Amino acid sequence: MPRRLIAPLLLAVLPLLAGCGLLSVPAATGSGPLPAVARTPTAIPTDATLLPGAPVAAGRWSWTLGPVLWDRTPSILAANPHAPSVPDGYGWAVVHLTATNVSTERASPSIFDATLAAAGWTVSSHQIAETPVRLPDAFTPKTVGPGESVTGDIGFWIPLRAQTDRFCALTLDVRPRVTAESEQFVFACSVDPGPAATDAPPPATSTPTPTTTPTVPPTPTTTPNATPPASPTAPPTPTPGTTAGG
C-alpha cells in the first residue's frame, strides 16, 4: 500500500476502534482524589422546592435524601489511609440516601443518579467510583422485600466554598425501569440555607430628609484598592462515568 494512503486510513480506523472499546482512551487525571468536573460556571437550579427529608415516589421505590453534610474529609480519609493527598480548598460532601421498596415484590433499587450543583460546580455522585476512595457507609443497592429499605451515603468531591452558596441544589434522577423515562426531583441542600456570600446586598432603606444642611465630610486623600480574593484553581476535567443501581 502506498505510504501516502496509510495516514488517512489510520485516521479513519482509530475512532471506530475507540467507539467499540477495542482502543482504550486514557482518562484525565489530577493531583487530588477526584479531579474537578466543572471547569466553567454551570447554571444552578433555582426551583429546589423540596426540602431534605421529603420522600419522593418513583415506580416501586420511595426515595429520601438527607441534607448535605459538608467537609466529611477527615472521616473519609480515616477510612482510606492510602488515598491521594487532598488539595487545599477541596473535600468531600456526603448525603444520606434511603430507598424504600413500596411494591408487593422483592426488588433492587432503580437506576438513579444524584447531582450536587453549587458555586458553579455540577458533580455526580457516581464519579467517586472512578477513584480509589470509598465512603465508610456507602449506599450499596441490594434486593429487599416489600416495606424494607436500602440506606447509605453518596459522596461528592467539591470545593469547600460551595457550602456558602445558599442556592445549592441536589437533583435526584430516577429511572423506574430500564425502558422508562427518568423522573427528576430537585432538593435544597439544607433545611435552612441561611445567609451566604452569594446573596445580593439588601436594598437600601430610605433616609428622612434632614431639616438642617449636614456638614460635608472632608474628601479622603487616598482611595483604598479593593482586591477580590483569588478563586481556587480547579483540577483537570475527568472522563464522566455512570454507575447504575441494580
Protein backbone atom coordinates (compact mmCIF):
# COMPACT_ATOMS: atom_id res chain seq x y z
CA MET A 1 0.00 0.00 0.00
CA PRO A 2 1.42 3.44 -0.85
CA ARG A 3 2.62 5.31 2.20
CA ARG A 4 0.54 8.35 1.37
CA LEU A 5 -2.61 6.28 1.97
CA ILE A 6 -1.58 4.89 5.40
CA ALA A 7 -2.15 8.08 7.45
CA PRO A 8 -5.71 8.76 6.14
CA LEU A 9 -6.59 5.10 6.70
CA LEU A 10 -5.40 5.22 10.35
CA LEU A 11 -7.36 8.42 10.98
CA ALA A 12 -10.50 6.69 9.74
CA VAL A 13 -9.98 3.44 11.70
CA LEU A 14 -8.88 4.76 15.14
CA PRO A 15 -12.23 6.41 16.03
CA LEU A 16 -14.01 3.16 15.16
CA LEU A 17 -11.72 1.16 17.45
CA ALA A 18 -12.24 3.63 20.29
CA GLY A 19 -16.01 3.56 19.90
CA CYS A 20 -16.05 -0.25 20.01
CA GLY A 21 -13.96 -0.34 23.17
CA LEU A 22 -11.02 -2.00 21.40
CA LEU A 23 -8.83 1.01 21.96
CA SER A 24 -8.74 2.48 25.46
CA VAL A 25 -8.70 6.25 25.78
CA PRO A 26 -6.88 7.41 28.92
CA ALA A 27 -8.96 9.50 31.34
CA ALA A 28 -7.87 12.89 32.56
CA THR A 29 -6.02 12.84 35.85
CA GLY A 30 -5.43 15.42 38.54
CA SER A 31 -3.49 16.00 41.72
CA GLY A 32 -6.42 15.18 44.02
CA PRO A 33 -8.51 12.07 44.73
CA LEU A 34 -11.20 13.28 42.33
CA PRO A 35 -10.49 15.98 39.73
CA ALA A 36 -12.95 18.76 39.12
CA VAL A 37 -15.88 18.01 36.85
CA ALA A 38 -16.85 21.59 36.04
CA ARG A 39 -14.11 23.96 34.94
CA THR A 40 -16.58 26.66 33.88
CA PRO A 41 -19.57 28.04 35.80
CA THR A 42 -22.67 25.90 35.48
CA ALA A 43 -26.23 27.15 35.85
CA ILE A 44 -27.54 26.29 39.31
CA PRO A 45 -31.20 25.20 39.58
CA THR A 46 -33.42 27.71 41.34
CA ASP A 47 -36.53 25.51 41.50
CA ALA A 48 -35.42 23.47 44.51
CA THR A 49 -38.89 23.28 46.03
CA LEU A 50 -38.26 20.09 48.02
CA LEU A 51 -36.58 20.12 51.41
CA PRO A 52 -34.16 17.42 52.56
CA GLY A 53 -36.04 14.56 54.21
CA ALA A 54 -39.12 14.85 52.00
CA PRO A 55 -39.82 11.40 50.44
CA VAL A 56 -40.47 11.19 46.70
CA ALA A 57 -42.01 8.23 44.87
CA ALA A 58 -40.80 6.81 41.56
CA GLY A 59 -42.11 3.45 40.43
CA ARG A 60 -41.87 0.83 43.14
CA TRP A 61 -39.48 2.89 45.27
CA SER A 62 -39.73 5.81 47.67
CA TRP A 63 -36.56 7.91 47.93
CA THR A 64 -35.41 10.16 50.76
CA LEU A 65 -32.33 12.40 50.66
CA GLY A 66 -30.89 13.97 53.78
CA PRO A 67 -29.21 17.40 53.89
CA VAL A 68 -25.71 17.89 52.51
CA LEU A 69 -23.10 17.18 55.20
CA TRP A 70 -20.18 19.37 54.20
CA ASP A 71 -16.48 18.58 54.50
CA ARG A 72 -16.53 14.96 55.65
CA THR A 73 -12.91 14.72 54.51
CA PRO A 74 -11.40 13.68 57.89
CA SER A 75 -13.71 10.67 58.34
CA ILE A 76 -13.33 9.62 54.69
CA LEU A 77 -9.53 9.83 54.82
CA ALA A 78 -9.57 7.82 58.06
CA ALA A 79 -11.33 5.03 56.17
CA ASN A 80 -8.95 5.37 53.18
CA PRO A 81 -5.39 5.50 54.59
CA HIS A 82 -3.86 5.12 51.12
CA ALA A 83 -5.93 7.85 49.46
CA PRO A 84 -4.10 10.53 47.43
CA SER A 85 -3.40 13.88 49.07
CA VAL A 86 -6.21 16.42 49.22
CA PRO A 87 -5.57 19.86 47.65
CA ASP A 88 -6.29 22.88 49.83
CA GLY A 89 -9.82 24.18 49.49
CA TYR A 90 -11.35 20.88 48.36
CA GLY A 91 -13.04 17.98 50.12
CA TRP A 92 -15.96 15.57 50.20
CA ALA A 93 -19.58 16.34 50.94
CA VAL A 94 -21.88 13.47 51.89
CA VAL A 95 -25.65 12.94 51.58
CA HIS A 96 -27.51 10.10 53.31
CA LEU A 97 -29.85 8.29 50.91
CA THR A 98 -32.70 5.89 51.71
CA ALA A 99 -34.64 3.84 49.14
CA THR A 100 -37.74 2.02 50.41
CA ASN A 101 -39.46 -0.76 48.46
CA VAL A 102 -43.14 0.27 48.28
CA SER A 103 -44.13 -2.59 45.95
CA THR A 104 -45.50 -6.03 46.83
CA GLU A 105 -42.46 -7.90 45.48
CA ARG A 106 -38.78 -8.21 46.31
CA ALA A 107 -36.74 -5.77 44.28
CA SER A 108 -33.46 -3.87 43.96
CA PRO A 109 -33.36 -0.04 43.82
CA SER A 110 -33.96 1.57 40.45
CA ILE A 111 -31.26 3.13 38.31
CA PHE A 112 -30.51 6.56 39.75
CA ASP A 113 -28.03 9.41 39.81
CA ALA A 114 -27.72 12.31 42.25
CA THR A 115 -26.13 15.61 41.23
CA LEU A 116 -24.88 18.36 43.51
CA ALA A 117 -24.82 21.86 41.98
CA ALA A 118 -23.21 24.71 43.92
CA ALA A 119 -20.74 27.55 43.44
CA GLY A 120 -20.59 26.96 39.68
CA TRP A 121 -19.83 23.24 40.04
CA THR A 122 -22.01 20.30 39.00
CA VAL A 123 -20.90 16.94 40.42
CA SER A 124 -22.40 13.46 40.00
CA SER A 125 -22.46 11.03 42.92
CA HIS A 126 -21.28 8.27 40.58
CA GLN A 127 -17.93 9.91 39.89
CA ILE A 128 -16.47 8.86 43.22
CA ALA A 129 -16.48 5.31 41.82
CA GLU A 130 -13.76 6.42 39.37
CA THR A 131 -11.33 6.99 42.27
CA PRO A 132 -9.68 4.72 44.85
CA VAL A 133 -11.65 6.46 47.62
CA ARG A 134 -14.59 4.64 49.19
CA LEU A 135 -17.18 6.01 51.60
CA PRO A 136 -17.26 4.34 55.04
CA ASP A 137 -21.05 3.78 54.79
CA ALA A 138 -21.69 3.87 51.04
CA PHE A 139 -25.14 3.34 49.53
CA THR A 140 -24.99 -0.16 48.04
CA PRO A 141 -28.03 -1.42 46.07
CA LYS A 142 -29.34 -4.81 47.10
CA THR A 143 -32.56 -6.81 46.83
CA VAL A 144 -35.02 -6.27 49.68
CA GLY A 145 -38.60 -7.27 50.42
CA PRO A 146 -41.75 -5.13 50.44
CA GLY A 147 -41.53 -2.34 53.02
CA GLU A 148 -37.79 -2.81 53.51
CA SER A 149 -35.18 -0.14 52.82
CA VAL A 150 -31.64 0.26 51.49
CA THR A 151 -29.69 3.07 53.13
CA GLY A 152 -26.21 4.55 52.85
CA ASP A 153 -24.20 7.59 51.85
CA ILE A 154 -23.43 9.09 48.45
CA GLY A 155 -20.45 11.43 48.12
CA PHE A 156 -19.36 14.45 46.11
CA TRP A 157 -15.84 15.88 45.58
CA ILE A 158 -16.29 19.66 45.53
CA PRO A 159 -14.66 22.96 46.59
CA LEU A 160 -15.36 23.72 50.24
CA ARG A 161 -16.54 27.22 49.28
CA ALA A 162 -19.66 25.59 47.81
CA GLN A 163 -21.03 25.40 51.35
CA THR A 164 -21.62 29.17 51.31
CA ASP A 165 -23.91 29.01 48.27
CA ARG A 166 -27.49 29.28 49.55
CA PHE A 167 -28.75 28.37 46.06
CA CYS A 168 -27.06 24.97 46.27
CA ALA A 169 -29.33 22.22 44.91
CA LEU A 170 -29.45 18.41 44.88
CA THR A 171 -31.05 16.76 41.85
CA LEU A 172 -32.16 13.14 42.01
CA ASP A 173 -32.76 11.40 38.67
CA VAL A 174 -34.55 8.05 38.95
CA ARG A 175 -35.39 5.68 36.13
CA PRO A 176 -38.08 3.29 37.43
CA ARG A 177 -37.40 0.82 34.62
CA VAL A 178 -34.64 0.49 32.05
CA THR A 179 -37.01 1.42 29.23
CA ALA A 180 -38.81 4.19 31.15
CA GLU A 181 -38.12 7.90 31.13
CA SER A 182 -36.23 9.20 34.15
CA GLU A 183 -38.04 11.21 36.82
CA GLN A 184 -36.27 14.24 38.30
CA PHE A 185 -36.60 15.74 41.78
CA VAL A 186 -34.78 18.88 42.94
CA PHE A 187 -33.98 19.44 46.63
CA ALA A 188 -32.44 22.28 48.58
CA CYS A 189 -29.12 21.31 50.15
CA SER A 190 -30.26 22.19 53.67
CA VAL A 191 -33.49 22.83 55.53
CA ASP A 192 -32.40 26.39 56.37
CA PRO A 193 -29.81 27.70 53.85
CA GLY A 194 -29.28 30.93 55.83
CA PRO A 195 -27.32 33.95 54.59
CA ALA A 196 -24.38 33.46 52.30
CA ALA A 197 -21.77 35.33 50.33
CA THR A 198 -23.66 34.71 47.08
CA ASP A 199 -26.66 36.73 48.23
CA ALA A 200 -27.31 40.12 46.72
CA PRO A 201 -26.87 43.06 49.11
CA PRO A 202 -30.08 44.14 50.89
CA PRO A 203 -31.98 47.06 49.30
CA ALA A 204 -31.14 50.48 50.63
CA THR A 205 -33.61 51.90 53.12
CA SER A 206 -35.00 55.38 52.71
CA THR A 207 -33.43 58.11 54.87
CA PRO A 208 -35.54 61.02 56.18
CA THR A 209 -34.61 64.42 54.76
CA PRO A 210 -32.73 66.39 57.45
CA THR A 211 -34.12 69.81 58.48
CA THR A 212 -30.62 71.29 58.51
CA THR A 213 -27.83 71.02 55.96
CA PRO A 214 -25.39 68.33 57.12
CA THR A 215 -21.71 69.02 57.25
CA VAL A 216 -19.89 67.51 54.28
CA PRO A 217 -17.00 65.30 55.47
CA PRO A 218 -13.57 66.02 54.00
CA THR A 219 -12.56 64.11 50.88
CA PRO A 220 -10.00 61.40 51.68
CA THR A 221 -6.60 61.92 50.11
CA THR A 222 -6.24 58.25 49.12
CA THR A 223 -8.71 55.63 47.96
CA PRO A 224 -8.19 52.07 49.20
CA ASN A 225 -7.90 49.45 46.50
CA ALA A 226 -10.34 46.57 46.85
CA THR A 227 -8.67 43.32 45.82
CA PRO A 228 -11.06 40.37 45.35
CA PRO A 229 -9.97 37.07 46.87
CA ALA A 230 -8.42 34.62 44.47
CA SER A 231 -10.58 31.68 43.44
CA PRO A 232 -9.12 28.20 43.89
CA THR A 233 -7.89 26.64 40.70
CA ALA A 234 -9.99 23.68 39.69
CA PRO A 235 -8.06 20.49 38.77
CA PRO A 236 -8.48 18.98 35.27
CA THR A 237 -11.75 17.51 34.00
CA PRO A 238 -12.15 13.71 34.24
CA THR A 239 -13.97 11.50 31.79
CA PRO A 240 -17.55 11.19 33.22
CA GLY A 241 -18.67 7.71 34.23
CA THR A 242 -22.00 6.20 35.07
CA THR A 243 -22.94 3.55 37.60
CA ALA A 244 -26.36 2.01 37.79
CA GLY A 245 -28.07 0.55 40.77
CA GLY A 246 -29.31 -2.93 40.25
